Amino acid sequence: MKRIAIPLNGSKLSPHFGHCEFFGIYEVEAGEIRDIKHLAPPAHQPGVYPRWLASLQVTDIIAGGMGQKARDLFESNGISTHIGVPDWQPEELAKALGEGILPTGENTCTHT
């Protein structure tokens, strides 16, 4: 099972995870979504989101883009990063990752 975090603004993928309204947490098993939660994140400061999401047993984060420092922090907390994803609905992104077919591409973040 994967527990996937997706930063959201409204019902769409947030272009910058550090400024999202909330995170969708999708539990996916065998390509099927088993549970969805929407959680407001703590105040954004470097390193807070990776630790918070790790405490929720998140295994993966999907984002349009992410600076290298943030990617390193997520990875050091045991969370795999998937960036440069298409502008799909969050449920489609989570299912695609669960099925192992999530397309990734260019990092849309310019932070280092």
PDB file of N, CA and C in Angstrom:
ATOM      1  N   MET A   1       0.827  -1.178   0.000  1.00  0.00           N
ATOM      2  CA  MET A   1       0.000   0.000   0.000  1.00  0.00           C
ATOM      3  C   MET A   1       0.877   1.249   0.000  1.00  0.00           C
ATOM      4  N   LYS A   2       0.420   2.250  -0.726  1.00  0.00           N
ATOM      5  CA  LYS A   2       1.083   3.550  -0.732  1.00  0.00           C
ATOM      6  C   LYS A   2       0.169   4.557  -0.048  1.00  0.00           C
ATOM      7  N   ARG A   3       0.767   5.468   0.677  1.00  0.00           N
ATOM      8  CA  ARG A   3       0.045   6.616   1.222  1.00  0.00           C
ATOM      9  C   ARG A   3       0.668   7.828   0.547  1.00  0.00           C
ATOM     10  N   ILE A   4      -0.110   8.463  -0.318  1.00  0.00           N
ATOM     11  CA  ILE A   4       0.390   9.491  -1.221  1.00  0.00           C
ATOM     12  C   ILE A   4      -0.138  10.861  -0.798  1.00  0.00           C
ATOM     13  N   ALA A   5       0.772  11.826  -0.658  1.00  0.00           N
ATOM     14  CA  ALA A   5       0.394  13.206  -0.358  1.00  0.00           C
ATOM     15  C   ALA A   5       0.409  14.023  -1.641  1.00  0.00           C
ATOM     16  N   ILE A   6      -0.650  14.811  -1.835  1.00  0.00           N
ATOM     17  CA  ILE A   6      -0.733  15.702  -2.987  1.00  0.00           C
ATOM     18  C   ILE A   6      -1.115  17.088  -2.468  1.00  0.00           C
ATOM     19  N   PRO A   7      -0.262  18.108  -2.700  1.00  0.00           N
ATOM     20  CA  PRO A   7      -0.592  19.457  -2.257  1.00  0.00           C
ATOM     21  C   PRO A   7      -1.720  20.026  -3.130  1.00  0.00           C
ATOM     22  N   LEU A   8      -2.751  20.562  -2.485  1.00  0.00           N
ATOM     23  CA  LEU A   8      -3.937  21.009  -3.211  1.00  0.00           C
ATOM     24  C   LEU A   8      -4.299  22.456  -2.897  1.00  0.00           C
ATOM     25  N   ASN A   9      -4.799  23.123  -3.914  1.00  0.00           N
ATOM     26  CA  ASN A   9      -5.504  24.397  -3.775  1.00  0.00           C
ATOM     27  C   ASN A   9      -6.879  24.149  -4.350  1.00  0.00           C
ATOM     28  N   GLY A  10      -7.882  24.194  -3.495  1.00  0.00           N
ATOM     29  CA  GLY A  10      -9.207  23.778  -3.930  1.00  0.00           C
ATOM     30  C   GLY A  10      -9.152  22.298  -4.251  1.00  0.00           C
ATOM     31  N   SER A  11      -9.605  21.943  -5.436  1.00  0.00           N
ATOM     32  CA  SER A  11      -9.601  20.533  -5.837  1.00  0.00           C
ATOM     33  C   SER A  11      -8.502  20.223  -6.851  1.00  0.00           C
ATOM     34  N   LYS A  12      -7.538  21.137  -7.013  1.00  0.00           N
ATOM     35  CA  LYS A  12      -6.483  20.971  -8.019  1.00  0.00           C
ATOM     36  C   LYS A  12      -5.102  20.899  -7.378  1.00  0.00           C
ATOM     37  N   LEU A  13      -4.192  20.257  -8.097  1.00  0.00           N
ATOM     38  CA  LEU A  13      -2.791  20.195  -7.698  1.00  0.00           C
ATOM     39  C   LEU A  13      -2.252  21.613  -7.549  1.00  0.00           C
ATOM     40  N   SER A  14      -1.654  21.904  -6.412  1.00  0.00           N
ATOM     41  CA  SER A  14      -1.053  23.213  -6.181  1.00  0.00           C
ATOM     42  C   SER A  14       0.257  23.310  -6.958  1.00  0.00           C
ATOM     43  N   PRO A  15       0.480  24.419  -7.663  1.00  0.00           N
ATOM     44  CA  PRO A  15       1.734  24.544  -8.410  1.00  0.00           C
ATOM     45  C   PRO A  15       2.959  24.647  -7.499  1.00  0.00           C
ATOM     46  N   HIS A  16       2.766  25.019  -6.232  1.00  0.00           N
ATOM     47  CA  HIS A  16       3.877  25.133  -5.296  1.00  0.00           C
ATOM     48  C   HIS A  16       3.447  24.507  -3.974  1.00  0.00           C
ATOM     49  N   PHE A  17       4.017  23.365  -3.644  1.00  0.00           N
ATOM     50  CA  PHE A  17       3.548  22.620  -2.471  1.00  0.00           C
ATOM     51  C   PHE A  17       3.655  23.442  -1.187  1.00  0.00           C
ATOM     52  N   GLY A  18       4.609  24.343  -1.099  1.00  0.00           N
ATOM     53  CA  GLY A  18       4.800  25.137   0.110  1.00  0.00           C
ATOM     54  C   GLY A  18       3.723  26.169   0.353  1.00  0.00           C
ATOM     55  N   HIS A  19       2.875  26.395  -0.645  1.00  0.00           N
ATOM     56  CA  HIS A  19       1.806  27.381  -0.509  1.00  0.00           C
ATOM     57  C   HIS A  19       0.437  26.758  -0.706  1.00  0.00           C
ATOM     58  N   CYS A  20       0.320  25.470  -0.489  1.00  0.00           N
ATOM     59  CA  CYS A  20      -0.957  24.794  -0.703  1.00  0.00           C
ATOM     60  C   CYS A  20      -1.923  25.084   0.446  1.00  0.00           C
ATOM     61  N   GLU A  21      -3.220  24.964   0.151  1.00  0.00           N
ATOM     62  CA  GLU A  21      -4.253  25.141   1.175  1.00  0.00           C
ATOM     63  C   GLU A  21      -4.296  23.930   2.100  1.00  0.00           C
ATOM     64  N   PHE A  22      -4.164  22.748   1.506  1.00  0.00           N
ATOM     65  CA  PHE A  22      -4.178  21.511   2.271  1.00  0.00           C
ATOM     66  C   PHE A  22      -3.538  20.413   1.456  1.00  0.00           C
ATOM     67  N   PHE A  23      -3.326  19.277   2.100  1.00  0.00           N
ATOM     68  CA  PHE A  23      -2.799  18.094   1.422  1.00  0.00           C
ATOM     69  C   PHE A  23      -3.899  17.054   1.329  1.00  0.00           C
ATOM     70  N   GLY A  24      -4.038  16.474   0.148  1.00  0.00           N
ATOM     71  CA  GLY A  24      -4.856  15.284  -0.001  1.00  0.00           C
ATOM     72  C   GLY A  24      -3.958  14.105   0.322  1.00  0.00           C
ATOM     73  N   ILE A  25      -4.420  13.232   1.198  1.00  0.00           N
ATOM     74  CA  ILE A  25      -3.669  12.020   1.551  1.00  0.00           C
ATOM     75  C   ILE A  25      -4.473  10.846   1.004  1.00  0.00           C
ATOM     76  N   TYR A  26      -3.910  10.145   0.029  1.00  0.00           N
ATOM     77  CA  TYR A  26      -4.603   9.076  -0.691  1.00  0.00           C
ATOM     78  C   TYR A  26      -3.949   7.744  -0.346  1.00  0.00           C
ATOM     79  N   GLU A  27      -4.719   6.834   0.208  1.00  0.00           N
ATOM     80  CA  GLU A  27      -4.232   5.478   0.433  1.00  0.00           C
ATOM     81  C   GLU A  27      -4.595   4.661  -0.796  1.00  0.00           C
ATOM     82  N   VAL A  28      -3.569   4.127  -1.447  1.00  0.00           N
ATOM     83  CA  VAL A  28      -3.760   3.408  -2.701  1.00  0.00           C
ATOM     84  C   VAL A  28      -3.169   2.010  -2.566  1.00  0.00           C
ATOM     85  N   GLU A  29      -3.978   1.028  -2.943  1.00  0.00           N
ATOM     86  CA  GLU A  29      -3.530  -0.359  -2.928  1.00  0.00           C
ATOM     87  C   GLU A  29      -3.964  -1.017  -4.223  1.00  0.00           C
ATOM     88  N   ALA A  30      -3.018  -1.644  -4.910  1.00  0.00           N
ATOM     89  CA  ALA A  30      -3.289  -2.326  -6.186  1.00  0.00           C
ATOM     90  C   ALA A  30      -3.985  -1.383  -7.176  1.00  0.00           C
ATOM     91  N   GLY A  31      -3.553  -0.115  -7.198  1.00  0.00           N
ATOM     92  CA  GLY A  31      -4.097   0.846  -8.146  1.00  0.00           C
ATOM     93  C   GLY A  31      -5.473   1.392  -7.788  1.00  0.00           C
ATOM     94  N   GLU A  32      -6.004   1.011  -6.632  1.00  0.00           N
ATOM     95  CA  GLU A  32      -7.327   1.473  -6.198  1.00  0.00           C
ATOM     96  C   GLU A  32      -7.198   2.365  -4.978  1.00  0.00           C
ATOM     97  N   ILE A  33      -7.907   3.487  -4.980  1.00  0.00           N
ATOM     98  CA  ILE A  33      -7.920   4.385  -3.837  1.00  0.00           C
ATOM     99  C   ILE A  33      -8.800   3.775  -2.758  1.00  0.00           C
ATOM    100  N   ARG A  34      -8.229   3.556  -1.578  1.00  0.00           N
ATOM    101  CA  ARG A  34      -8.951   2.953  -0.444  1.00  0.00           C
ATOM    102  C   ARG A  34      -9.466   4.006   0.528  1.00  0.00           C
ATOM    103  N   ASP A  35      -8.765   5.159   0.609  1.00  0.00           N
ATOM    104  CA  ASP A  35      -9.165   6.197   1.554  1.00  0.00           C
ATOM    105  C   ASP A  35      -8.592   7.534   1.096  1.00  0.00           C
ATOM    106  N   ILE A  36      -9.317   8.612   1.382  1.00  0.00           N
ATOM    107  CA  ILE A  36      -8.859   9.965   1.077  1.00  0.00           C
ATOM    108  C   ILE A  36      -9.120  10.839   2.296  1.00  0.00           C
ATOM    109  N   LYS A  37      -8.103  11.598   2.672  1.00  0.00           N
ATOM    110  CA  LYS A  37      -8.246  12.594   3.729  1.00  0.00           C
ATOM    111  C   LYS A  37      -7.709  13.916   3.203  1.00  0.00           C
ATOM    112  N   HIS A  38      -8.304  15.017   3.626  1.00  0.00           N
ATOM    113  CA  HIS A  38      -7.793  16.348   3.317  1.00  0.00           C
ATOM    114  C   HIS A  38      -7.384  16.989   4.635  1.00  0.00           C
ATOM    115  N   LEU A  39      -6.089  17.286   4.755  1.00  0.00           N
ATOM    116  CA  LEU A  39      -5.554  17.796   6.001  1.00  0.00           C
ATOM    117  C   LEU A  39      -4.859  19.136   5.793  1.00  0.00           C
ATOM    118  N   ALA A  40      -5.164  20.087   6.664  1.00  0.00           N
ATOM    119  CA  ALA A  40      -4.477  21.380   6.625  1.00  0.00           C
ATOM    120  C   ALA A  40      -3.068  21.187   7.180  1.00  0.00           C
ATOM    121  N   PRO A  41      -2.070  21.710   6.484  1.00  0.00           N
ATOM    122  CA  PRO A  41      -0.694  21.534   6.957  1.00  0.00           C
ATOM    123  C   PRO A  41      -0.359  22.505   8.078  1.00  0.00           C
ATOM    124  N   PRO A  42       0.702  22.210   8.825  1.00  0.00           N
ATOM    125  CA  PRO A  42       1.196  23.174   9.809  1.00  0.00           C
ATOM    126  C   PRO A  42       1.797  24.378   9.084  1.00  0.00           C
ATOM    127  N   ALA A  43       2.162  25.385   9.824  1.00  0.00           N
ATOM    128  CA  ALA A  43       2.793  26.567   9.228  1.00  0.00           C
ATOM    129  C   ALA A  43       4.025  26.143   8.426  1.00  0.00           C
ATOM    130  N   HIS A  44       4.164  26.736   7.247  1.00  0.00           N
ATOM    131  CA  HIS A  44       5.252  26.351   6.352  1.00  0.00           C
ATOM    132  C   HIS A  44       6.572  26.974   6.790  1.00  0.00           C
ATOM    133  N   GLN A  45       7.519  26.104   7.092  1.00  0.00           N
ATOM    134  CA  GLN A  45       8.895  26.473   7.371  1.00  0.00           C
ATOM    135  C   GLN A  45       9.754  25.340   6.835  1.00  0.00           C
ATOM    136  N   PRO A  46      11.000  25.612   6.460  1.00  0.00           N
ATOM    137  CA  PRO A  46      11.839  24.548   5.905  1.00  0.00           C
ATOM    138  C   PRO A  46      11.870  23.306   6.803  1.00  0.00           C
ATOM    139  N   GLY A  47      11.600  22.159   6.200  1.00  0.00           N
ATOM    140  CA  GLY A  47      11.680  20.881   6.893  1.00  0.00           C
ATOM    141  C   GLY A  47      10.429  20.451   7.636  1.00  0.00           C
ATOM    142  N   VAL A  48       9.461  21.358   7.813  1.00  0.00           N
ATOM    143  CA  VAL A  48       8.253  21.024   8.584  1.00  0.00           C
ATOM    144  C   VAL A  48       7.364  20.036   7.826  1.00  0.00           C
ATOM    145  N   TYR A  49       7.087  20.305   6.550  1.00  0.00           N
ATOM    146  CA  TYR A  49       6.187  19.423   5.803  1.00  0.00           C
ATOM    147  C   TYR A  49       6.722  17.998   5.693  1.00  0.00           C
ATOM    148  N   PRO A  50       8.004  17.800   5.375  1.00  0.00           N
ATOM    149  CA  PRO A  50       8.496  16.411   5.309  1.00  0.00           C
ATOM    150  C   PRO A  50       8.333  15.656   6.626  1.00  0.00           C
ATOM    151  N   ARG A  51       8.644  16.306   7.745  1.00  0.00           N
ATOM    152  CA  ARG A  51       8.496  15.636   9.046  1.00  0.00           C
ATOM    153  C   ARG A  51       7.027  15.363   9.360  1.00  0.00           C
ATOM    154  N   TRP A  52       6.170  16.337   9.094  1.00  0.00           N
ATOM    155  CA  TRP A  52       4.738  16.177   9.361  1.00  0.00           C
ATOM    156  C   TRP A  52       4.157  15.042   8.518  1.00  0.00           C
ATOM    157  N   LEU A  53       4.453  15.032   7.218  1.00  0.00           N
ATOM    158  CA  LEU A  53       3.920  13.981   6.348  1.00  0.00           C
ATOM    159  C   LEU A  53       4.496  12.610   6.727  1.00  0.00           C
ATOM    160  N   ALA A  54       5.759  12.566   7.121  1.00  0.00           N
ATOM    161  CA  ALA A  54       6.341  11.296   7.569  1.00  0.00           C
ATOM    162  C   ALA A  54       5.617  10.788   8.814  1.00  0.00           C
ATOM    163  N   SER A  55       5.206  11.697   9.697  1.00  0.00           N
ATOM    164  CA  SER A  55       4.487  11.278  10.911  1.00  0.00           C
ATOM    165  C   SER A  55       3.116  10.693  10.574  1.00  0.00           C
ATOM    166  N   LEU A  56       2.609  10.998   9.369  1.00  0.00           N
ATOM    167  CA  LEU A  56       1.330  10.453   8.896  1.00  0.00           C
ATOM    168  C   LEU A  56       1.530   9.188   8.064  1.00  0.00           C
ATOM    169  N   GLN A  57       2.748   8.649   8.062  1.00  0.00           N
ATOM    170  CA  GLN A  57       3.129   7.451   7.317  1.00  0.00           C
ATOM    171  C   GLN A  57       2.974   7.622   5.795  1.00  0.00           C
ATOM    172  N   VAL A  58       3.170   8.843   5.315  1.00  0.00           N
ATOM    173  CA  VAL A  58       3.147   9.093   3.871  1.00  0.00           C
ATOM    174  C   VAL A  58       4.376   8.436   3.254  1.00  0.00           C
ATOM    175  N   THR A  59       4.179   7.755   2.123  1.00  0.00           N
ATOM    176  CA  THR A  59       5.274   7.074   1.432  1.00  0.00           C
ATOM    177  C   THR A  59       5.765   7.843   0.210  1.00  0.00           C
ATOM    178  N   ASP A  60       4.877   8.677  -0.361  1.00  0.00           N
ATOM    179  CA  ASP A  60       5.181   9.375  -1.606  1.00  0.00           C
ATOM    180  C   ASP A  60       4.527  10.749  -1.599  1.00  0.00           C
ATOM    181  N   ILE A  61       5.162  11.704  -2.302  1.00  0.00           N
ATOM    182  CA  ILE A  61       4.546  13.001  -2.544  1.00  0.00           C
ATOM    183  C   ILE A  61       4.596  13.277  -4.039  1.00  0.00           C
ATOM    184  N   ILE A  62       3.487  13.786  -4.556  1.00  0.00           N
ATOM    185  CA  ILE A  62       3.376  14.161  -5.960  1.00  0.00           C
ATOM    186  C   ILE A  62       3.316  15.682  -6.021  1.00  0.00           C
ATOM    187  N   ALA A  63       4.138  16.288  -6.881  1.00  0.00           N
ATOM    188  CA  ALA A  63       4.156  17.741  -6.998  1.00  0.00           C
ATOM    189  C   ALA A  63       4.503  18.150  -8.421  1.00  0.00           C
ATOM    190  N   GLY A  64       4.062  19.340  -8.790  1.00  0.00           N
ATOM    191  CA  GLY A  64       4.446  19.876 -10.086  1.00  0.00           C
ATOM    192  C   GLY A  64       5.939  20.161 -10.113  1.00  0.00           C
ATOM    193  N   GLY A  65       6.422  20.722  -9.013  1.00  0.00           N
ATOM    194  CA  GLY A  65       7.830  21.029  -8.907  1.00  0.00           C
ATOM    195  C   GLY A  65       8.246  21.140  -7.466  1.00  0.00           C
ATOM    196  N   MET A  66       9.563  21.057  -7.255  1.00  0.00           N
ATOM    197  CA  MET A  66      10.077  21.089  -5.891  1.00  0.00           C
ATOM    198  C   MET A  66      11.573  21.356  -5.971  1.00  0.00           C
ATOM    199  N   GLY A  67      12.063  22.258  -5.119  1.00  0.00           N
ATOM    200  CA  GLY A  67      13.490  22.531  -5.060  1.00  0.00           C
ATOM    201  C   GLY A  67      14.271  21.321  -4.576  1.00  0.00           C
ATOM    202  N   GLN A  68      15.544  21.285  -4.910  1.00  0.00           N
ATOM    203  CA  GLN A  68      16.379  20.136  -4.542  1.00  0.00           C
ATOM    204  C   GLN A  68      16.476  19.964  -3.036  1.00  0.00           C
ATOM    205  N   LYS A  69      16.550  21.067  -2.293  1.00  0.00           N
ATOM    206  CA  LYS A  69      16.643  20.971  -0.833  1.00  0.00           C
ATOM    207  C   LYS A  69      15.394  20.295  -0.268  1.00  0.00           C
ATOM    208  N   ALA A  70      14.217  20.672  -0.774  1.00  0.00           N
ATOM    209  CA  ALA A  70      12.970  20.041  -0.324  1.00  0.00           C
ATOM    210  C   ALA A  70      12.946  18.566  -0.705  1.00  0.00           C
ATOM    211  N   ARG A  71      13.372  18.245  -1.920  1.00  0.00           N
ATOM    212  CA  ARG A  71      13.411  16.840  -2.344  1.00  0.00           C
ATOM    213  C   ARG A  71      14.306  16.026  -1.415  1.00  0.00           C
ATOM    214  N   ASP A  72      15.458  16.581  -1.065  1.00  0.00           N
ATOM    215  CA  ASP A  72      16.379  15.892  -0.160  1.00  0.00           C
ATOM    216  C   ASP A  72      15.742  15.672   1.216  1.00  0.00           C
ATOM    217  N   LEU A  73      15.006  16.689   1.712  1.00  0.00           N
ATOM    218  CA  LEU A  73      14.353  16.566   3.021  1.00  0.00           C
ATOM    219  C   LEU A  73      13.270  15.489   2.999  1.00  0.00           C
ATOM    220  N   PHE A  74      12.478  15.458   1.923  1.00  0.00           N
ATOM    221  CA  PHE A  74      11.458  14.415   1.820  1.00  0.00           C
ATOM    222  C   PHE A  74      12.107  13.039   1.767  1.00  0.00           C
ATOM    223  N   GLU A  75      13.113  12.894   0.927  1.00  0.00           N
ATOM    224  CA  GLU A  75      13.789  11.605   0.781  1.00  0.00           C
ATOM    225  C   GLU A  75      14.428  11.165   2.101  1.00  0.00           C
ATOM    226  N   SER A  76      15.006  12.107   2.865  1.00  0.00           N
ATOM    227  CA  SER A  76      15.630  11.747   4.142  1.00  0.00           C
ATOM    228  C   SER A  76      14.585  11.342   5.184  1.00  0.00           C
ATOM    229  N   ASN A  77      13.320  11.686   4.934  1.00  0.00           N
ATOM    230  CA  ASN A  77      12.222  11.266   5.810  1.00  0.00           C
ATOM    231  C   ASN A  77      11.492  10.047   5.253  1.00  0.00           C
ATOM    232  N   GLY A  78      12.087   9.396   4.260  1.00  0.00           N
ATOM    233  CA  GLY A  78      11.521   8.163   3.715  1.00  0.00           C
ATOM    234  C   GLY A  78      10.368   8.373   2.760  1.00  0.00           C
ATOM    235  N   ILE A  79      10.249   9.576   2.201  1.00  0.00           N
ATOM    236  CA  ILE A  79       9.149   9.891   1.290  1.00  0.00           C
ATOM    237  C   ILE A  79       9.706  10.077  -0.118  1.00  0.00           C
ATOM    238  N   SER A  80       9.234   9.259  -1.053  1.00  0.00           N
ATOM    239  CA  SER A  80       9.659   9.368  -2.449  1.00  0.00           C
ATOM    240  C   SER A  80       8.970  10.565  -3.101  1.00  0.00           C
ATOM    241  N   THR A  81       9.723  11.312  -3.907  1.00  0.00           N
ATOM    242  CA  THR A  81       9.173  12.491  -4.583  1.00  0.00           C
ATOM    243  C   THR A  81       8.924  12.183  -6.057  1.00  0.00           C
ATOM    244  N   HIS A  82       7.824  12.700  -6.563  1.00  0.00           N
ATOM    245  CA  HIS A  82       7.438  12.537  -7.970  1.00  0.00           C
ATOM    246  C   HIS A  82       7.061  13.928  -8.472  1.00  0.00           C
ATOM    247  N   ILE A  83       7.898  14.486  -9.352  1.00  0.00           N
ATOM    248  CA  ILE A  83       7.695  15.867  -9.779  1.00  0.00           C
ATOM    249  C   ILE A  83       7.511  15.953 -11.292  1.00  0.00           C
ATOM    250  N   GLY A  84       7.043  17.128 -11.718  1.00  0.00           N
ATOM    251  CA  GLY A  84       6.826  17.351 -13.136  1.00  0.00           C
ATOM    252  C   GLY A  84       5.653  16.552 -13.668  1.00  0.00           C
ATOM    253  N   VAL A  85       4.637  16.373 -12.844  1.00  0.00           N
ATOM    254  CA  VAL A  85       3.489  15.547 -13.224  1.00  0.00           C
ATOM    255  C   VAL A  85       2.496  16.363 -14.044  1.00  0.00           C
ATOM    256  N   PRO A  86       1.647  15.696 -14.826  1.00  0.00           N
ATOM    257  CA  PRO A  86       0.648  16.412 -15.612  1.00  0.00           C
ATOM    258  C   PRO A  86      -0.418  17.043 -14.716  1.00  0.00           C
ATOM    259  N   ASP A  87      -1.150  17.975 -15.267  1.00  0.00           N
ATOM    260  CA  ASP A  87      -2.202  18.687 -14.542  1.00  0.00           C
ATOM    261  C   ASP A  87      -3.496  17.881 -14.564  1.00  0.00           C
ATOM    262  N   TRP A  88      -3.462  16.709 -13.926  1.00  0.00           N
ATOM    263  CA  TRP A  88      -4.631  15.835 -13.835  1.00  0.00           C
ATOM    264  C   TRP A  88      -5.337  16.072 -12.513  1.00  0.00           C
ATOM    265  N   GLN A  89      -6.507  15.510 -12.381  1.00  0.00           N
ATOM    266  CA  GLN A  89      -7.212  15.527 -11.104  1.00  0.00           C
ATOM    267  C   GLN A  89      -6.388  14.730 -10.092  1.00  0.00           C
ATOM    268  N   PRO A  90      -6.403  15.139  -8.816  1.00  0.00           N
ATOM    269  CA  PRO A  90      -5.590  14.449  -7.807  1.00  0.00           C
ATOM    270  C   PRO A  90      -5.846  12.943  -7.733  1.00  0.00           C
ATOM    271  N   GLU A  91      -7.098  12.522  -7.850  1.00  0.00           N
ATOM    272  CA  GLU A  91      -7.394  11.088  -7.786  1.00  0.00           C
ATOM    273  C   GLU A  91      -6.734  10.334  -8.933  1.00  0.00           C
ATOM    274  N   GLU A  92      -6.695  10.955 -10.123  1.00  0.00           N
ATOM    275  CA  GLU A  92      -6.037  10.325 -11.276  1.00  0.00           C
ATOM    276  C   GLU A  92      -4.535  10.192 -11.036  1.00  0.00           C
ATOM    277  N   LEU A  93      -3.934  11.236 -10.439  1.00  0.00           N
ATOM    278  CA  LEU A  93      -2.505  11.187 -10.133  1.00  0.00           C
ATOM    279  C   LEU A  93      -2.194  10.068  -9.149  1.00  0.00           C
ATOM    280  N   ALA A  94      -2.997   9.984  -8.075  1.00  0.00           N
ATOM    281  CA  ALA A  94      -2.768   8.958  -7.053  1.00  0.00           C
ATOM    282  C   ALA A  94      -2.926   7.553  -7.633  1.00  0.00           C
ATOM    283  N   LYS A  95      -3.981   7.342  -8.430  1.00  0.00           N
ATOM    284  CA  LYS A  95      -4.184   6.017  -9.028  1.00  0.00           C
ATOM    285  C   LYS A  95      -3.044   5.655  -9.967  1.00  0.00           C
ATOM    286  N   ALA A  96      -2.594   6.627 -10.778  1.00  0.00           N
ATOM    287  CA  ALA A  96      -1.509   6.359 -11.717  1.00  0.00           C
ATOM    288  C   ALA A  96      -0.225   5.981 -10.978  1.00  0.00           C
ATOM    289  N   LEU A  97       0.069   6.664  -9.877  1.00  0.00           N
ATOM    290  CA  LEU A  97       1.252   6.302  -9.103  1.00  0.00           C
ATOM    291  C   LEU A  97       1.089   4.908  -8.506  1.00  0.00           C
ATOM    292  N   GLY A  98      -0.088   4.609  -7.993  1.00  0.00           N
ATOM    293  CA  GLY A  98      -0.351   3.285  -7.428  1.00  0.00           C
ATOM    294  C   GLY A  98      -0.222   2.173  -8.453  1.00  0.00           C
ATOM    295  N   GLU A  99      -0.510   2.490  -9.711  1.00  0.00           N
ATOM    296  CA  GLU A  99      -0.395   1.514 -10.794  1.00  0.00           C
ATOM    297  C   GLU A  99       1.002   1.492 -11.400  1.00  0.00           C
ATOM    298  N   GLY A 100       1.854   2.426 -10.961  1.00  0.00           N
ATOM    299  CA  GLY A 100       3.214   2.488 -11.497  1.00  0.00           C
ATOM    300  C   GLY A 100       3.310   3.111 -12.871  1.00  0.00           C
ATOM    301  N   ILE A 101       2.313   3.941 -13.241  1.00  0.00           N
ATOM    302  CA  ILE A 101       2.307   4.531 -14.580  1.00  0.00           C
ATOM    303  C   ILE A 101       2.235   6.057 -14.553  1.00  0.00           C
ATOM    304  N   LEU A 102       2.589   6.691 -13.430  1.00  0.00           N
ATOM    305  CA  LEU A 102       2.532   8.146 -13.327  1.00  0.00           C
ATOM    306  C   LEU A 102       3.624   8.768 -14.187  1.00  0.00           C
ATOM    307  N   PRO A 103       3.234   9.576 -15.188  1.00  0.00           N
ATOM    308  CA  PRO A 103       4.265  10.242 -15.983  1.00  0.00           C
ATOM    309  C   PRO A 103       4.864  11.414 -15.212  1.00  0.00           C
ATOM    310  N   THR A 104       6.166  11.546 -15.249  1.00  0.00           N
ATOM    311  CA  THR A 104       6.852  12.675 -14.638  1.00  0.00           C
ATOM    312  C   THR A 104       7.649  13.375 -15.725  1.00  0.00           C
ATOM    313  N   GLY A 105       8.011  14.603 -15.451  1.00  0.00           N
ATOM    314  CA  GLY A 105       8.733  15.368 -16.459  1.00  0.00           C
ATOM    315  C   GLY A 105       9.584  16.434 -15.817  1.00  0.00           C
ATOM    316  N   GLU A 106       9.583  17.571 -16.460  1.00  0.00           N
ATOM    317  CA  GLU A 106      10.424  18.678 -16.038  1.00  0.00           C
ATOM    318  C   GLU A 106       9.963  19.266 -14.707  1.00  0.00           C
ATOM    319  N   ASN A 107      10.918  19.515 -13.846  1.00  0.00           N
ATOM    320  CA  ASN A 107      10.657  20.151 -12.559  1.00  0.00           C
ATOM    321  C   ASN A 107      10.214  21.592 -12.816  1.00  0.00           C
ATOM    322  N   THR A 108       9.033  21.963 -12.344  1.00  0.00           N
ATOM    323  CA  THR A 108       8.521  23.303 -12.578  1.00  0.00           C
ATOM    324  C   THR A 108       8.965  24.308 -11.524  1.00  0.00           C
ATOM    325  N   CYS A 109       9.767  23.858 -10.565  1.00  0.00           N
ATOM    326  CA  CYS A 109      10.229  24.738  -9.480  1.00  0.00           C
ATOM    327  C   CYS A 109      11.606  25.280  -9.801  1.00  0.00           C
ATOM    328  N   THR A 110      11.805  26.551  -9.467  1.00  0.00           N
ATOM    329  CA  THR A 110      13.106  27.163  -9.696  1.00  0.00           C
ATOM    330  C   THR A 110      13.900  27.329  -8.408  1.00  0.00           C
ATOM    331  N   HIS A 111      13.357  26.852  -7.266  1.00  0.00           N
ATOM    332  CA  HIS A 111      14.092  26.917  -6.004  1.00  0.00           C
ATOM    333  C   HIS A 111      15.250  25.916  -6.057  1.00  0.00           C
ATOM    334  N   THR A 112      16.324  26.247  -5.368  1.00  0.00           N
ATOM    335  CA  THR A 112      17.465  25.327  -5.319  1.00  0.00           C
ATOM    336  C   THR A 112      17.502  24.579  -4.019  1.00  0.00           C
TER     337      THR A 112
END
